[in-house]
């Protein structure tokens, strides 16, 4: 079992930056791929990006590619989402999730993630 806790959300102006953190409990964190998802008001939850267990491979949604970067520190059981050049359309609740199944490719499908955090609100003002 893994428990995930996100932090770092807040209010930022368009063009600004935020770094979200996702702290995980449990000794198996370093074996899991991790994903970030977001849900805007009135919309379905959508994939943002993912990182392999080793940190060597990342995968991003087109909407954030070039602006967002995912990294992880397995020694600290933490995964990060660095968000730059934020836009009002990035406003959402951001969730981190853990995929305990080894896959050849990182998944963008939330049904393939086994553990979820409670989410952190990111609001980007124009």
Foldseek 3Di string as FASTA:
>chain_A
DKAKAKDWADEEAAQAKTKMKIAMDDPCLLQWKKFKWWDDPPGDIFGAKIAHSPRPDIDGDPVQPPFWDWGDDSVRRMIMIIGGRDDQVVWTWMKMFIQNDDDPDDDGDPVRTDYIYPTDTHGYHD
